[in-house]
Amino acid sequence: MATVAVYSLKGGVGKTTLAVNLAWASATHSARRTLLWDLDPQAAASFLLGDDGTARDKAQAIFSRDVKPESLIRPTRFERLDLLAADTSLRGLDHLFHALGKKRRLAKLLDGLNKRYDRIILDCPPGLTDTSEQVMRAADLILTPVIPSPLSQRALGEVLIWLDRDGKRHAPVLPIHSMVDRRRSLHALALETQADWPVVPMASAVEQMAAHRAPIGAFAPASPAGKAFSHLWTGIERKLAERETRG
């Protein structure tokens, strides 16, 4: 099993869009048994994948051992793709992690799912918090969407400084140009400067996800955004395969 965290210091950079579409690509294109674990109390990923809200206010209880993760996991309507939904109880997750004092609680929970899934995608809340520290300790690969703008790029720099602060090893970080409009000079300059970063375009199909409550690949696979996510997931699988070979 490999765990891929989709994380950003900033909100509004396409994080949930990335997580949902890559989870679908994992399940569909790679035929992997895939779990999308929504850790963001806004629960946008849960909404997009069709969460019915039957397990309301139980998401945080997983971490205090009051509820087993398996009891809250639900299949989505997409083959091989399951969802562990978020809810508003996760607003207190940072305080819980701080009180527990267990830096690898999330990692241990993920280890308990390793026979059930091949890939777990974490949709993480923004910010540098106790939750994000748990995520960084648990992930095998960290994807960071970056809008081609100075503020978003500065946020990435802050994340890298934070990860390297104590000199310990951490999962590889893959920055991804998100919500790209090549007509904008600032975006074009950023793409030229970081030419090796993957690119996800700004697209109307992204906005249509909420109406369809589905990943782009399920309703517009031939669109530029649909192709971009498919291509991106192929590259991620390649990176995970290289990691497994080295391991």
C-alpha atoms as a PDB file:
ATOM      1  CA  MET A   1       0.000   0.000   0.000  1.00  0.00           C
ATOM      2  CA  ALA A   2       1.099   3.559  -0.677  1.00  0.00           C
ATOM      3  CA  THR A   3      -0.303   6.719   0.885  1.00  0.00           C
ATOM      4  CA  VAL A   4      -0.447   9.915  -1.162  1.00  0.00           C
ATOM      5  CA  ALA A   5      -1.204  13.150   0.709  1.00  0.00           C
ATOM      6  CA  VAL A   6      -2.664  16.120  -1.143  1.00  0.00           C
ATOM      7  CA  TYR A   7      -1.653  19.064   0.995  1.00  0.00           C
ATOM      8  CA  SER A   8      -1.271  22.828   0.816  1.00  0.00           C
ATOM      9  CA  LEU A   9      -0.574  25.562   3.312  1.00  0.00           C
ATOM     10  CA  LYS A  10      -3.151  27.685   1.475  1.00  0.00           C
ATOM     11  CA  GLY A  11      -6.780  26.958   0.757  1.00  0.00           C
ATOM     12  CA  GLY A  12      -8.421  27.594  -2.598  1.00  0.00           C
ATOM     13  CA  VAL A  13      -5.608  26.135  -4.703  1.00  0.00           C
ATOM     14  CA  GLY A  14      -7.418  23.099  -6.120  1.00  0.00           C
ATOM     15  CA  LYS A  15      -6.439  20.625  -3.413  1.00  0.00           C
ATOM     16  CA  THR A  16      -9.727  18.749  -3.198  1.00  0.00           C
ATOM     17  CA  THR A  17     -10.132  18.721  -6.971  1.00  0.00           C
ATOM     18  CA  LEU A  18      -6.721  17.096  -7.212  1.00  0.00           C
ATOM     19  CA  ALA A  19      -7.450  14.516  -4.504  1.00  0.00           C
ATOM     20  CA  VAL A  20     -10.795  13.414  -5.928  1.00  0.00           C
ATOM     21  CA  ASN A  21      -9.599  13.111  -9.517  1.00  0.00           C
ATOM     22  CA  LEU A  22      -6.421  11.260  -8.613  1.00  0.00           C
ATOM     23  CA  ALA A  23      -8.314   8.844  -6.382  1.00  0.00           C
ATOM     24  CA  TRP A  24     -10.656   8.103  -9.293  1.00  0.00           C
ATOM     25  CA  ALA A  25      -7.698   7.655 -11.662  1.00  0.00           C
ATOM     26  CA  SER A  26      -6.067   5.256  -9.216  1.00  0.00           C
ATOM     27  CA  ALA A  27      -9.205   3.129  -9.015  1.00  0.00           C
ATOM     28  CA  THR A  28     -10.117   3.338 -12.711  1.00  0.00           C
ATOM     29  CA  HIS A  29      -6.931   3.650 -14.757  1.00  0.00           C
ATOM     30  CA  SER A  30      -4.657   1.648 -12.448  1.00  0.00           C
ATOM     31  CA  ALA A  31      -7.378  -0.720 -11.182  1.00  0.00           C
ATOM     32  CA  ARG A  32      -6.096  -0.159  -7.652  1.00  0.00           C
ATOM     33  CA  ARG A  33      -8.184  -0.735  -4.557  1.00  0.00           C
ATOM     34  CA  THR A  34      -8.333   2.893  -3.523  1.00  0.00           C
ATOM     35  CA  LEU A  35      -9.526   4.801  -0.456  1.00  0.00           C
ATOM     36  CA  LEU A  36      -9.993   8.542  -0.394  1.00  0.00           C
ATOM     37  CA  TRP A  37      -9.724   9.639   3.246  1.00  0.00           C
ATOM     38  CA  ASP A  38     -11.164  13.131   3.659  1.00  0.00           C
ATOM     39  CA  LEU A  39      -9.470  14.891   6.581  1.00  0.00           C
ATOM     40  CA  ASP A  40     -10.782  18.373   5.783  1.00  0.00           C
ATOM     41  CA  PRO A  41     -13.753  19.440   7.976  1.00  0.00           C
ATOM     42  CA  GLN A  42     -15.198  21.292   4.980  1.00  0.00           C
ATOM     43  CA  ALA A  43     -15.880  17.790   3.582  1.00  0.00           C
ATOM     44  CA  ALA A  44     -15.843  18.928  -0.055  1.00  0.00           C
ATOM     45  CA  ALA A  45     -14.266  15.685  -1.282  1.00  0.00           C
ATOM     46  CA  SER A  46     -16.904  13.724   0.619  1.00  0.00           C
ATOM     47  CA  PHE A  47     -19.657  15.729  -1.076  1.00  0.00           C
ATOM     48  CA  LEU A  48     -18.169  15.241  -4.538  1.00  0.00           C
ATOM     49  CA  LEU A  49     -17.988  11.474  -4.112  1.00  0.00           C
ATOM     50  CA  GLY A  50     -21.579  11.245  -2.924  1.00  0.00           C
ATOM     51  CA  ASP A  51     -21.355  11.010   0.873  1.00  0.00           C
ATOM     52  CA  ASP A  52     -24.865  10.627   2.280  1.00  0.00           C
ATOM     53  CA  GLY A  53     -24.001  11.963   5.738  1.00  0.00           C
ATOM     54  CA  THR A  54     -25.159   8.845   7.601  1.00  0.00           C
ATOM     55  CA  ALA A  55     -22.020   8.817   9.787  1.00  0.00           C
ATOM     56  CA  ARG A  56     -22.294  12.464  10.787  1.00  0.00           C
ATOM     57  CA  ASP A  57     -20.023  13.738  13.615  1.00  0.00           C
ATOM     58  CA  LYS A  58     -18.022  10.515  13.917  1.00  0.00           C
ATOM     59  CA  ALA A  59     -14.953  11.281  11.793  1.00  0.00           C
ATOM     60  CA  GLN A  60     -12.808  12.513  14.694  1.00  0.00           C
ATOM     61  CA  ALA A  61     -13.712   9.528  16.872  1.00  0.00           C
ATOM     62  CA  ILE A  62     -11.525   7.337  14.666  1.00  0.00           C
ATOM     63  CA  PHE A  63      -8.447   8.975  16.131  1.00  0.00           C
ATOM     64  CA  SER A  64      -9.493   8.578  19.767  1.00  0.00           C
ATOM     65  CA  ARG A  65     -10.179   4.859  19.173  1.00  0.00           C
ATOM     66  CA  ASP A  66     -13.902   5.239  19.833  1.00  0.00           C
ATOM     67  CA  VAL A  67     -14.722   4.196  16.263  1.00  0.00           C
ATOM     68  CA  LYS A  68     -12.849   1.876  13.889  1.00  0.00           C
ATOM     69  CA  PRO A  69     -12.044   3.339  10.441  1.00  0.00           C
ATOM     70  CA  GLU A  70     -13.526   0.273   8.739  1.00  0.00           C
ATOM     71  CA  SER A  71     -16.936   0.998  10.271  1.00  0.00           C
ATOM     72  CA  LEU A  72     -17.124   4.402   8.555  1.00  0.00           C
ATOM     73  CA  ILE A  73     -15.700   3.463   5.151  1.00  0.00           C
ATOM     74  CA  ARG A  74     -18.325   3.448   2.419  1.00  0.00           C
ATOM     75  CA  PRO A  75     -18.119   2.374  -1.238  1.00  0.00           C
ATOM     76  CA  THR A  76     -18.656   5.082  -3.831  1.00  0.00           C
ATOM     77  CA  ARG A  77     -20.534   4.446  -7.069  1.00  0.00           C
ATOM     78  CA  PHE A  78     -17.157   4.059  -8.770  1.00  0.00           C
ATOM     79  CA  GLU A  79     -15.651   0.589  -8.857  1.00  0.00           C
ATOM     80  CA  ARG A  80     -12.705   0.007  -6.494  1.00  0.00           C
ATOM     81  CA  LEU A  81     -13.038   3.508  -4.963  1.00  0.00           C
ATOM     82  CA  ASP A  82     -14.093   3.813  -1.319  1.00  0.00           C
ATOM     83  CA  LEU A  83     -14.568   6.916   0.825  1.00  0.00           C
ATOM     84  CA  LEU A  84     -13.816   7.684   4.456  1.00  0.00           C
ATOM     85  CA  ALA A  85     -15.848  10.854   4.756  1.00  0.00           C
ATOM     86  CA  ALA A  86     -15.142  14.022   6.714  1.00  0.00           C
ATOM     87  CA  ASP A  87     -17.538  15.985   8.880  1.00  0.00           C
ATOM     88  CA  THR A  88     -17.460  19.028  11.147  1.00  0.00           C
ATOM     89  CA  SER A  89     -16.131  17.021  14.106  1.00  0.00           C
ATOM     90  CA  LEU A  90     -12.704  17.250  12.437  1.00  0.00           C
ATOM     91  CA  ARG A  91     -12.550  20.938  13.400  1.00  0.00           C
ATOM     92  CA  GLY A  92     -11.231  19.758  16.774  1.00  0.00           C
ATOM     93  CA  LEU A  93      -8.738  17.259  15.362  1.00  0.00           C
ATOM     94  CA  ASP A  94      -5.660  19.409  16.007  1.00  0.00           C
ATOM     95  CA  HIS A  95      -6.573  19.728  19.678  1.00  0.00           C
ATOM     96  CA  LEU A  96      -7.130  15.978  19.901  1.00  0.00           C
ATOM     97  CA  PHE A  97      -3.743  15.180  18.342  1.00  0.00           C
ATOM     98  CA  HIS A  98      -2.074  17.622  20.730  1.00  0.00           C
ATOM     99  CA  ALA A  99      -3.814  16.030  23.712  1.00  0.00           C
ATOM    100  CA  LEU A 100      -2.998  12.497  22.587  1.00  0.00           C
ATOM    101  CA  GLY A 101       0.679  13.339  22.122  1.00  0.00           C
ATOM    102  CA  LYS A 102       1.049  10.491  19.632  1.00  0.00           C
ATOM    103  CA  LYS A 103       2.867  11.715  16.550  1.00  0.00           C
ATOM    104  CA  ARG A 104       2.179   8.613  14.481  1.00  0.00           C
ATOM    105  CA  ARG A 105      -1.495   7.997  15.272  1.00  0.00           C
ATOM    106  CA  LEU A 106      -2.558   8.504  11.644  1.00  0.00           C
ATOM    107  CA  ALA A 107       0.308   6.340  10.376  1.00  0.00           C
ATOM    108  CA  LYS A 108      -0.774   3.464  12.617  1.00  0.00           C
ATOM    109  CA  LEU A 109      -4.366   3.750  11.441  1.00  0.00           C
ATOM    110  CA  LEU A 110      -3.160   3.620   7.839  1.00  0.00           C
ATOM    111  CA  ASP A 111      -1.046   0.554   8.606  1.00  0.00           C
ATOM    112  CA  GLY A 112      -4.235  -1.154   9.740  1.00  0.00           C
ATOM    113  CA  LEU A 113      -5.723  -0.653   6.285  1.00  0.00           C
ATOM    114  CA  ASN A 114      -2.760  -1.883   4.262  1.00  0.00           C
ATOM    115  CA  LYS A 115      -4.270  -5.279   3.433  1.00  0.00           C
ATOM    116  CA  ARG A 116      -7.508  -3.733   2.259  1.00  0.00           C
ATOM    117  CA  TYR A 117      -6.168  -1.049  -0.117  1.00  0.00           C
ATOM    118  CA  ASP A 118      -3.384  -0.545  -2.642  1.00  0.00           C
ATOM    119  CA  ARG A 119      -3.564   3.264  -2.611  1.00  0.00           C
ATOM    120  CA  ILE A 120      -4.871   5.703  -0.012  1.00  0.00           C
ATOM    121  CA  ILE A 121      -5.320   9.346  -0.979  1.00  0.00           C
ATOM    122  CA  LEU A 122      -5.492  11.863   1.881  1.00  0.00           C
ATOM    123  CA  ASP A 123      -7.332  15.132   1.265  1.00  0.00           C
ATOM    124  CA  CYS A 124      -5.729  17.265   3.964  1.00  0.00           C
ATOM    125  CA  PRO A 125      -6.887  20.510   5.587  1.00  0.00           C
ATOM    126  CA  PRO A 126      -4.741  23.573   4.860  1.00  0.00           C
ATOM    127  CA  GLY A 127      -2.290  25.016   7.373  1.00  0.00           C
ATOM    128  CA  LEU A 128       0.773  23.964   9.360  1.00  0.00           C
ATOM    129  CA  THR A 129      -0.901  22.139  12.230  1.00  0.00           C
ATOM    130  CA  ASP A 130      -0.746  18.982  14.334  1.00  0.00           C
ATOM    131  CA  THR A 131      -2.871  17.313  11.676  1.00  0.00           C
ATOM    132  CA  SER A 132      -0.454  18.238   8.907  1.00  0.00           C
ATOM    133  CA  GLU A 133       2.439  16.904  10.975  1.00  0.00           C
ATOM    134  CA  GLN A 134       0.608  13.576  11.313  1.00  0.00           C
ATOM    135  CA  VAL A 135       0.073  13.565   7.551  1.00  0.00           C
ATOM    136  CA  MET A 136       3.738  14.252   6.782  1.00  0.00           C
ATOM    137  CA  ARG A 137       4.804  11.367   9.007  1.00  0.00           C
ATOM    138  CA  ALA A 138       2.330   8.988   7.343  1.00  0.00           C
ATOM    139  CA  ALA A 139       2.602   9.831   3.637  1.00  0.00           C
ATOM    140  CA  ASP A 140       4.784   8.116   1.042  1.00  0.00           C
ATOM    141  CA  LEU A 141       4.359  11.045  -1.371  1.00  0.00           C
ATOM    142  CA  ILE A 142       3.167  14.605  -0.738  1.00  0.00           C
ATOM    143  CA  LEU A 143       1.442  16.434  -3.591  1.00  0.00           C
ATOM    144  CA  THR A 144       1.284  20.207  -3.223  1.00  0.00           C
ATOM    145  CA  PRO A 145      -0.896  22.183  -5.667  1.00  0.00           C
ATOM    146  CA  VAL A 146       0.525  25.626  -6.400  1.00  0.00           C
ATOM    147  CA  ILE A 147      -1.308  28.358  -8.286  1.00  0.00           C
ATOM    148  CA  PRO A 148       1.231  30.214 -10.483  1.00  0.00           C
ATOM    149  CA  SER A 149       1.324  33.275  -8.247  1.00  0.00           C
ATOM    150  CA  PRO A 150       3.900  34.718  -5.814  1.00  0.00           C
ATOM    151  CA  LEU A 151       1.747  34.092  -2.725  1.00  0.00           C
ATOM    152  CA  SER A 152       1.062  30.460  -3.585  1.00  0.00           C
ATOM    153  CA  GLN A 153       4.737  29.858  -4.406  1.00  0.00           C
ATOM    154  CA  ARG A 154       5.723  31.528  -1.142  1.00  0.00           C
ATOM    155  CA  ALA A 155       3.392  29.144   0.699  1.00  0.00           C
ATOM    156  CA  LEU A 156       5.170  26.191  -0.914  1.00  0.00           C
ATOM    157  CA  GLY A 157       8.492  27.596   0.269  1.00  0.00           C
ATOM    158  CA  GLU A 158       7.163  27.817   3.827  1.00  0.00           C
ATOM    159  CA  VAL A 159       6.060  24.200   3.684  1.00  0.00           C
ATOM    160  CA  LEU A 160       9.482  23.030   2.483  1.00  0.00           C
ATOM    161  CA  ILE A 161      11.222  25.010   5.233  1.00  0.00           C
ATOM    162  CA  TRP A 162       8.867  23.501   7.808  1.00  0.00           C
ATOM    163  CA  LEU A 163       9.481  19.966   6.555  1.00  0.00           C
ATOM    164  CA  ASP A 164      13.259  20.436   6.647  1.00  0.00           C
ATOM    165  CA  ARG A 165      13.304  22.225  10.003  1.00  0.00           C
ATOM    166  CA  ASP A 166      14.782  19.385  12.073  1.00  0.00           C
ATOM    167  CA  GLY A 167      16.829  17.691   9.371  1.00  0.00           C
ATOM    168  CA  LYS A 168      14.738  14.516   9.474  1.00  0.00           C
ATOM    169  CA  ARG A 169      13.804  12.603   6.369  1.00  0.00           C
ATOM    170  CA  HIS A 170      10.329  13.089   4.978  1.00  0.00           C
ATOM    171  CA  ALA A 171       8.326  11.882   2.025  1.00  0.00           C
ATOM    172  CA  PRO A 172       9.146  13.400  -1.368  1.00  0.00           C
ATOM    173  CA  VAL A 173       7.216  16.562  -2.211  1.00  0.00           C
ATOM    174  CA  LEU A 174       5.808  16.963  -5.720  1.00  0.00           C
ATOM    175  CA  PRO A 175       4.655  20.523  -6.511  1.00  0.00           C
ATOM    176  CA  ILE A 176       1.922  20.734  -9.129  1.00  0.00           C
ATOM    177  CA  HIS A 177       0.942  23.845 -11.069  1.00  0.00           C
ATOM    178  CA  SER A 178      -2.788  24.105 -10.418  1.00  0.00           C
ATOM    179  CA  MET A 179      -5.598  26.167 -11.932  1.00  0.00           C
ATOM    180  CA  VAL A 180      -3.316  27.287 -14.750  1.00  0.00           C
ATOM    181  CA  ASP A 181      -4.402  29.838 -17.354  1.00  0.00           C
ATOM    182  CA  ARG A 182      -1.653  30.017 -19.967  1.00  0.00           C
ATOM    183  CA  ARG A 183      -3.039  33.311 -21.292  1.00  0.00           C
ATOM    184  CA  ARG A 184      -1.914  35.057 -18.109  1.00  0.00           C
ATOM    185  CA  SER A 185       1.633  36.348 -18.277  1.00  0.00           C
ATOM    186  CA  LEU A 186       2.284  35.506 -14.623  1.00  0.00           C
ATOM    187  CA  HIS A 187       1.180  31.931 -15.186  1.00  0.00           C
ATOM    188  CA  ALA A 188       3.220  31.598 -18.369  1.00  0.00           C
ATOM    189  CA  LEU A 189       6.331  32.873 -16.575  1.00  0.00           C
ATOM    190  CA  ALA A 190       5.858  30.392 -13.721  1.00  0.00           C
ATOM    191  CA  LEU A 191       5.488  27.504 -16.159  1.00  0.00           C
ATOM    192  CA  GLU A 192       8.676  28.567 -17.873  1.00  0.00           C
ATOM    193  CA  THR A 193      10.529  28.872 -14.560  1.00  0.00           C
ATOM    194  CA  GLN A 194       9.384  25.488 -13.198  1.00  0.00           C
ATOM    195  CA  ALA A 195       9.108  23.641 -16.487  1.00  0.00           C
ATOM    196  CA  ASP A 196       9.388  20.207 -14.866  1.00  0.00           C
ATOM    197  CA  TRP A 197       6.312  20.606 -12.640  1.00  0.00           C
ATOM    198  CA  PRO A 198       3.100  18.855 -13.719  1.00  0.00           C
ATOM    199  CA  VAL A 199       0.341  21.197 -14.905  1.00  0.00           C
ATOM    200  CA  VAL A 200      -3.415  21.078 -14.280  1.00  0.00           C
ATOM    201  CA  PRO A 201      -5.293  23.701 -16.305  1.00  0.00           C
ATOM    202  CA  MET A 202      -8.087  25.992 -15.217  1.00  0.00           C
ATOM    203  CA  ALA A 203     -11.159  24.418 -16.806  1.00  0.00           C
ATOM    204  CA  SER A 204     -14.932  24.610 -16.784  1.00  0.00           C
ATOM    205  CA  ALA A 205     -15.031  20.863 -16.159  1.00  0.00           C
ATOM    206  CA  VAL A 206     -13.637  21.488 -12.681  1.00  0.00           C
ATOM    207  CA  GLU A 207     -16.637  23.673 -11.842  1.00  0.00           C
ATOM    208  CA  GLN A 208     -18.969  21.017 -13.256  1.00  0.00           C
ATOM    209  CA  MET A 209     -17.716  18.449 -10.736  1.00  0.00           C
ATOM    210  CA  ALA A 210     -20.060  19.838  -8.078  1.00  0.00           C
ATOM    211  CA  ALA A 211     -23.057  19.551 -10.396  1.00  0.00           C
ATOM    212  CA  HIS A 212     -22.197  15.991 -11.409  1.00  0.00           C
ATOM    213  CA  ARG A 213     -20.847  15.081  -7.960  1.00  0.00           C
ATOM    214  CA  ALA A 214     -18.208  13.098  -9.794  1.00  0.00           C
ATOM    215  CA  PRO A 215     -14.557  13.242 -10.871  1.00  0.00           C
ATOM    216  CA  ILE A 216     -13.885  14.794 -14.276  1.00  0.00           C
ATOM    217  CA  GLY A 217     -12.816  11.462 -15.725  1.00  0.00           C
ATOM    218  CA  ALA A 218     -16.307  10.093 -15.101  1.00  0.00           C
ATOM    219  CA  PHE A 219     -18.104  12.689 -17.237  1.00  0.00           C
ATOM    220  CA  ALA A 220     -15.483  14.478 -19.369  1.00  0.00           C
ATOM    221  CA  PRO A 221     -12.459  12.178 -19.763  1.00  0.00           C
ATOM    222  CA  ALA A 222     -11.413  13.727 -23.096  1.00  0.00           C
ATOM    223  CA  SER A 223     -11.401  17.286 -21.746  1.00  0.00           C
ATOM    224  CA  PRO A 224      -8.037  19.030 -21.178  1.00  0.00           C
ATOM    225  CA  ALA A 225      -8.469  18.704 -17.409  1.00  0.00           C
ATOM    226  CA  GLY A 226      -9.491  15.050 -17.682  1.00  0.00           C
ATOM    227  CA  LYS A 227      -6.401  14.269 -19.736  1.00  0.00           C
ATOM    228  CA  ALA A 228      -4.193  16.282 -17.362  1.00  0.00           C
ATOM    229  CA  PHE A 229      -5.306  14.304 -14.312  1.00  0.00           C
ATOM    230  CA  SER A 230      -4.881  11.017 -16.159  1.00  0.00           C
ATOM    231  CA  HIS A 231      -1.363  11.968 -17.230  1.00  0.00           C
ATOM    232  CA  LEU A 232      -0.521  13.188 -13.729  1.00  0.00           C
ATOM    233  CA  TRP A 233      -1.639   9.941 -12.127  1.00  0.00           C
ATOM    234  CA  THR A 234       0.502   7.941 -14.565  1.00  0.00           C
ATOM    235  CA  GLY A 235       3.524   9.931 -13.387  1.00  0.00           C
ATOM    236  CA  ILE A 236       2.605   9.413  -9.736  1.00  0.00           C
ATOM    237  CA  GLU A 237       2.293   5.665 -10.227  1.00  0.00           C
ATOM    238  CA  ARG A 238       5.738   5.702 -11.797  1.00  0.00           C
ATOM    239  CA  LYS A 239       7.164   7.484  -8.743  1.00  0.00           C
ATOM    240  CA  LEU A 240       5.475   5.033  -6.373  1.00  0.00           C
ATOM    241  CA  ALA A 241       6.796   2.082  -8.386  1.00  0.00           C
ATOM    242  CA  GLU A 242      10.319   3.492  -8.157  1.00  0.00           C
ATOM    243  CA  ARG A 243       9.899   3.842  -4.401  1.00  0.00           C
ATOM    244  CA  GLU A 244       8.692   0.257  -4.087  1.00  0.00           C
ATOM    245  CA  THR A 245      11.641  -0.972  -6.157  1.00  0.00           C
ATOM    246  CA  ARG A 246      14.110   0.879  -3.919  1.00  0.00           C
ATOM    247  CA  GLY A 247      12.320  -0.393  -0.818  1.00  0.00           C
END
